[in-house]
Amino acid sequence: MNEYTFWLDETDTYKAVFTADSYDQALELLEKVQAFEIDITELPNFQKFGKNYEQTIAIDTLEGD
């Protein structure tokens, strides 16, 4: 059997929620997540809800024997 390769993109979109005492504190916490100082799951009362999923297969990238 021959082996074939191709490129595949997947995108999961979520709506997330967490608690903070103020908008400024919420912004500071998100900036820490973005800077990898804390993990997103460390946000107070963090939850996420699936919103969308997309998959794209690049058929023109198919390579093999």
Protein backbone atom coordinates (compact mmCIF):
# COMPACT_ATOMS: atom_id res chain seq x y z
CA MET A 1 0.00 0.00 0.00
CA ASN A 2 1.26 3.49 -0.84
CA GLU A 3 1.43 6.39 1.58
CA TYR A 4 0.04 9.83 0.71
CA THR A 5 0.28 13.17 2.49
CA PHE A 6 -1.79 16.35 2.38
CA TRP A 7 -2.32 19.53 4.39
CA LEU A 8 -5.32 19.83 6.70
CA ASP A 9 -6.49 22.90 8.64
CA GLU A 10 -8.88 22.68 11.58
CA THR A 11 -10.35 25.60 13.48
CA ASP A 12 -12.33 25.35 16.71
CA THR A 13 -14.07 28.54 17.83
CA TYR A 14 -15.19 29.00 21.43
CA LYS A 15 -16.93 31.62 23.48
CA ALA A 16 -15.23 31.87 26.88
CA VAL A 17 -16.27 33.42 30.16
CA PHE A 18 -14.49 34.19 33.44
CA THR A 19 -14.95 36.47 36.43
CA ALA A 20 -13.03 39.57 37.53
CA ASP A 21 -13.62 42.50 39.86
CA SER A 22 -13.42 45.06 37.04
CA TYR A 23 -12.85 45.51 33.33
CA ASP A 24 -9.25 46.55 34.05
CA GLN A 25 -8.59 43.40 36.05
CA ALA A 26 -10.17 41.26 33.31
CA LEU A 27 -7.95 42.92 30.71
CA GLU A 28 -4.86 42.39 32.89
CA LEU A 29 -5.67 38.70 33.29
CA LEU A 30 -6.21 38.20 29.54
CA GLU A 31 -2.91 39.96 28.84
CA LYS A 32 -1.21 37.50 31.20
CA VAL A 33 -2.76 34.60 29.29
CA GLN A 34 -1.63 36.09 26.00
CA ALA A 35 1.92 36.52 27.36
CA PHE A 36 1.93 32.88 28.61
CA GLU A 37 2.33 34.05 32.21
CA ILE A 38 -0.75 32.05 33.24
CA ASP A 39 -2.75 29.32 31.55
CA ILE A 40 -6.21 30.20 30.28
CA THR A 41 -7.68 27.60 32.64
CA GLU A 42 -6.31 29.63 35.56
CA LEU A 43 -8.74 32.47 34.89
CA PRO A 44 -11.25 32.70 37.75
CA ASN A 45 -14.32 30.55 37.07
CA PHE A 46 -13.17 29.95 33.48
CA GLN A 47 -15.59 28.18 31.15
CA LYS A 48 -15.71 27.77 27.39
CA PHE A 49 -18.50 26.84 25.07
CA GLY A 50 -18.07 25.45 21.56
CA LYS A 51 -19.36 27.82 18.90
CA ASN A 52 -18.04 26.58 15.56
CA TYR A 53 -15.79 24.01 13.92
CA GLU A 54 -14.29 24.20 10.43
CA GLN A 55 -12.13 21.78 8.49
CA THR A 56 -10.32 22.55 5.24
CA ILE A 57 -8.57 19.86 3.22
CA ALA A 58 -6.08 21.16 0.68
CA ILE A 59 -6.59 18.56 -2.02
CA ASP A 60 -4.04 20.29 -4.27
CA THR A 61 -1.29 19.41 -1.73
CA LEU A 62 -1.78 15.65 -2.13
CA GLU A 63 1.60 13.97 -2.62
CA GLY A 64 2.66 10.38 -2.85
CA ASP A 65 3.69 7.51 -5.11
